[in-house]
Amino acid sequence: MIVALIAACEIGFWVLLAAGLACRYLLKMPRTGLALLLCEPLLEVVLLIVTAIDLKNGAEPDWTHGLAALYIGYTVGHGHRTVKWLDGHAAHRLQGRPLVRPPRYGMARARHEGRVWLGTLVGAVVATVLLQGAIWYVDDPSRVTSLEDWRFGAWRAAGIHGLVALSYFVWPRKAPAETDPVTASTSTRKDAEREGAHR
């Protein structure tokens, strides 16, 4: 049941997102669109409540409960960024607004990757809190091994992502060599503007 609910929440996320963007940019109803987008967190609340009820009713803690915690953590850590990214693309396609892309080179790219990693870190913290709460809720060490494994998995994913993000600081990606000083200056200015737009 939990797996089906996670799938339903994922589908609901994209349905609400599409409906919200359609109202904002196609139907010219920005308030309605914003209201639909703000309903996104309710899906995670529903998933959390159903997961707790499932455990309360005596369900054996397994990988589905751990997956639910990680899904909620990921949504908290990266949901806003995903919505903002898609909103920017919708505004570009439907209203002709400039498309703001993340910086591609140098320390600007490294800082961007660091901010993305912070979302993964937040997700790992949220998942850990939920998993630890479930462990305390079950209060039976013999039944919570799978939950403990998912807790370790959340931090392993955050650690791997952290190493990837760190690599951009250690080995900054260099921009292609520019022979025209004016072009090089323009490229540097654009990267700076992109970085500022993502702060």
Protein backbone atom coordinates (compact mmCIF):
# COMPACT_ATOMS: atom_id res chain seq x y z
CA MET A 1 0.00 0.00 0.00
CA ILE A 2 2.83 2.40 0.87
CA VAL A 3 4.48 1.90 -2.52
CA ALA A 4 1.20 2.63 -4.27
CA LEU A 5 0.77 5.76 -2.17
CA ILE A 6 4.30 6.95 -3.00
CA ALA A 7 3.50 6.46 -6.69
CA ALA A 8 0.21 8.33 -6.25
CA CYS A 9 2.02 11.20 -4.48
CA GLU A 10 4.60 11.39 -7.27
CA ILE A 11 1.88 11.47 -9.92
CA GLY A 12 -0.06 14.00 -7.86
CA PHE A 13 3.05 16.19 -7.61
CA TRP A 14 3.36 16.43 -11.39
CA VAL A 15 -0.38 16.83 -11.91
CA LEU A 16 -0.55 19.72 -9.44
CA LEU A 17 2.57 21.22 -10.95
CA ALA A 18 1.22 21.04 -14.49
CA ALA A 19 -2.15 22.42 -13.39
CA GLY A 20 -0.53 25.24 -11.45
CA LEU A 21 1.70 26.27 -14.35
CA ALA A 22 -1.20 26.04 -16.80
CA CYS A 23 -3.29 28.36 -14.63
CA ARG A 24 -0.40 30.80 -14.20
CA TYR A 25 0.64 31.09 -17.83
CA LEU A 26 -2.09 29.70 -20.09
CA LEU A 27 -5.30 30.64 -18.29
CA LYS A 28 -3.90 33.90 -16.86
CA MET A 29 -4.98 32.92 -13.33
CA PRO A 30 -1.79 33.46 -11.30
CA ARG A 31 -3.47 33.25 -7.88
CA THR A 32 -5.15 29.95 -8.68
CA GLY A 33 -1.90 28.65 -10.09
CA LEU A 34 -0.02 29.67 -6.95
CA ALA A 35 -2.66 28.00 -4.76
CA LEU A 36 -2.25 24.75 -6.69
CA LEU A 37 1.52 24.90 -6.35
CA LEU A 38 1.20 25.51 -2.61
CA CYS A 39 -0.84 22.31 -2.33
CA GLU A 40 2.24 20.26 -3.19
CA PRO A 41 3.39 19.84 0.47
CA LEU A 42 -0.02 18.37 1.38
CA LEU A 43 0.92 15.25 -0.58
CA GLU A 44 3.89 14.63 1.72
CA VAL A 45 1.73 15.24 4.79
CA VAL A 46 -0.74 12.61 3.57
CA LEU A 47 2.08 10.14 2.92
CA LEU A 48 3.52 10.76 6.39
CA ILE A 49 0.16 10.26 8.11
CA VAL A 50 -0.65 7.06 6.22
CA THR A 51 2.82 5.65 6.93
CA ALA A 52 2.40 6.34 10.66
CA ILE A 53 -1.07 4.76 10.68
CA ASP A 54 0.31 1.71 8.87
CA LEU A 55 2.93 1.22 11.57
CA LYS A 56 0.42 1.92 14.31
CA ASN A 57 -1.84 -0.82 12.98
CA GLY A 58 0.93 -3.36 13.38
CA ALA A 59 2.50 -3.38 9.93
CA GLU A 60 6.01 -4.82 9.87
CA PRO A 61 8.52 -1.99 9.20
CA ASP A 62 10.15 -2.70 5.86
CA TRP A 63 11.75 -1.00 2.86
CA THR A 64 8.48 0.68 1.87
CA HIS A 65 8.42 2.76 5.05
CA GLY A 66 12.08 3.69 4.54
CA LEU A 67 11.38 4.67 0.94
CA ALA A 68 8.50 6.86 2.08
CA ALA A 69 10.85 8.71 4.47
CA LEU A 70 13.43 9.24 1.73
CA TYR A 71 10.78 10.43 -0.71
CA ILE A 72 9.54 13.02 1.77
CA GLY A 73 13.12 14.10 2.50
CA TYR A 74 13.91 14.49 -1.19
CA THR A 75 10.77 16.54 -1.76
CA VAL A 76 11.63 18.85 1.14
CA GLY A 77 15.22 19.24 -0.02
CA HIS A 78 14.71 19.57 -3.76
CA GLY A 79 10.99 20.12 -4.37
CA HIS A 80 11.22 23.92 -4.31
CA ARG A 81 14.17 23.90 -6.71
CA THR A 82 12.32 21.58 -9.09
CA VAL A 83 9.20 23.77 -9.08
CA LYS A 84 11.27 26.93 -9.58
CA TRP A 85 13.19 25.35 -12.47
CA LEU A 86 10.03 24.22 -14.24
CA ASP A 87 8.32 27.55 -13.57
CA GLY A 88 11.23 29.33 -15.24
CA HIS A 89 11.00 27.08 -18.29
CA ALA A 90 7.23 27.59 -18.50
CA ALA A 91 7.66 31.37 -18.31
CA HIS A 92 10.30 31.16 -21.04
CA ARG A 93 8.19 29.00 -23.35
CA LEU A 94 4.84 30.64 -22.81
CA GLN A 95 5.72 34.27 -22.07
CA GLY A 96 9.07 34.69 -23.76
CA ARG A 97 10.92 35.55 -20.56
CA PRO A 98 14.70 35.08 -20.57
CA LEU A 99 15.71 31.57 -19.54
CA VAL A 100 18.07 31.71 -16.57
CA ARG A 101 20.53 28.83 -16.63
CA PRO A 102 22.96 27.89 -13.86
CA PRO A 103 26.59 28.93 -14.33
CA ARG A 104 28.68 26.39 -16.20
CA TYR A 105 32.27 27.21 -15.33
CA GLY A 106 34.65 28.12 -12.55
CA MET A 107 33.80 28.85 -8.95
CA ALA A 108 30.35 30.11 -9.93
CA ARG A 109 29.50 26.54 -11.03
CA ALA A 110 31.11 25.13 -7.90
CA ARG A 111 28.99 27.34 -5.63
CA HIS A 112 25.88 26.33 -7.57
CA GLU A 113 26.68 22.64 -7.10
CA GLY A 114 27.28 23.31 -3.41
CA ARG A 115 23.82 24.83 -3.05
CA VAL A 116 22.27 21.84 -4.81
CA TRP A 117 24.12 19.54 -2.39
CA LEU A 118 22.67 21.48 0.53
CA GLY A 119 19.23 20.38 -0.71
CA THR A 120 20.40 16.77 -0.56
CA LEU A 121 21.76 17.39 2.94
CA VAL A 122 18.39 18.80 4.06
CA GLY A 123 16.68 15.78 2.53
CA ALA A 124 18.96 13.41 4.44
CA VAL A 125 18.27 15.24 7.72
CA VAL A 126 14.49 15.13 7.17
CA ALA A 127 14.59 11.44 6.23
CA THR A 128 16.74 10.66 9.27
CA VAL A 129 14.35 12.45 11.61
CA LEU A 130 11.36 10.58 10.16
CA LEU A 131 13.14 7.23 10.27
CA GLN A 132 14.33 7.78 13.82
CA GLY A 133 10.80 8.77 14.81
CA ALA A 134 9.51 5.53 13.27
CA ILE A 135 12.16 3.53 15.13
CA TRP A 136 11.14 5.05 18.43
CA TYR A 137 7.48 4.60 17.51
CA VAL A 138 7.89 0.87 16.84
CA ASP A 139 10.12 0.50 19.93
CA ASP A 140 11.32 -2.98 19.00
CA PRO A 141 15.00 -3.35 17.95
CA SER A 142 14.28 -6.67 16.25
CA ARG A 143 11.81 -5.06 13.83
CA VAL A 144 13.56 -1.88 12.75
CA THR A 145 16.64 -3.16 10.92
CA SER A 146 15.29 -2.07 7.53
CA LEU A 147 14.60 1.43 8.83
CA GLU A 148 18.14 1.68 10.16
CA ASP A 149 19.48 0.57 6.77
CA TRP A 150 17.51 3.32 5.01
CA ARG A 151 18.87 5.86 7.47
CA PHE A 152 22.40 4.81 6.53
CA GLY A 153 21.46 4.92 2.85
CA ALA A 154 20.26 8.51 3.13
CA TRP A 155 23.63 9.66 4.47
CA ARG A 156 25.55 7.54 2.00
CA ALA A 157 23.71 9.30 -0.85
CA ALA A 158 24.39 12.70 0.76
CA GLY A 159 28.07 11.79 1.14
CA ILE A 160 28.46 10.71 -2.48
CA HIS A 161 26.68 13.85 -3.71
CA GLY A 162 28.90 15.91 -1.41
CA LEU A 163 32.04 14.43 -2.96
CA VAL A 164 30.72 15.21 -6.43
CA ALA A 165 29.96 18.80 -5.40
CA LEU A 166 33.39 19.12 -3.76
CA SER A 167 35.08 18.04 -6.98
CA TYR A 168 33.83 21.23 -8.64
CA PHE A 169 35.77 23.24 -6.04
CA VAL A 170 38.91 21.12 -6.28
CA TRP A 171 38.87 20.88 -10.07
CA PRO A 172 36.86 23.90 -11.32
CA ARG A 173 35.48 23.44 -14.80
CA LYS A 174 37.29 25.84 -17.10
CA ALA A 175 35.55 27.84 -19.80
CA PRO A 176 36.72 27.29 -23.38
CA ALA A 177 39.62 29.53 -24.34
CA GLU A 178 38.39 32.84 -25.73
CA THR A 179 40.46 34.69 -28.32
CA ASP A 180 38.20 37.74 -28.41
CA PRO A 181 38.51 39.82 -25.18
CA VAL A 182 35.03 41.27 -25.72
CA THR A 183 33.50 37.79 -26.04
CA ALA A 184 35.39 36.57 -22.97
CA SER A 185 34.22 39.56 -20.95
CA THR A 186 30.63 38.97 -22.07
CA SER A 187 30.81 35.28 -21.11
CA THR A 188 32.19 36.12 -17.65
CA ARG A 189 29.48 38.72 -17.10
CA LYS A 190 26.75 36.26 -18.10
CA ASP A 191 28.05 33.65 -15.65
CA ALA A 192 28.04 36.26 -12.89
CA GLU A 193 24.48 37.27 -13.75
CA ARG A 194 23.37 33.63 -13.72
CA GLU A 195 24.95 33.07 -10.33
CA GLY A 196 23.22 36.14 -8.95
CA ALA A 197 19.87 34.95 -10.31
CA HIS A 198 20.22 31.64 -8.46
CA ARG A 199 20.95 33.14 -5.07
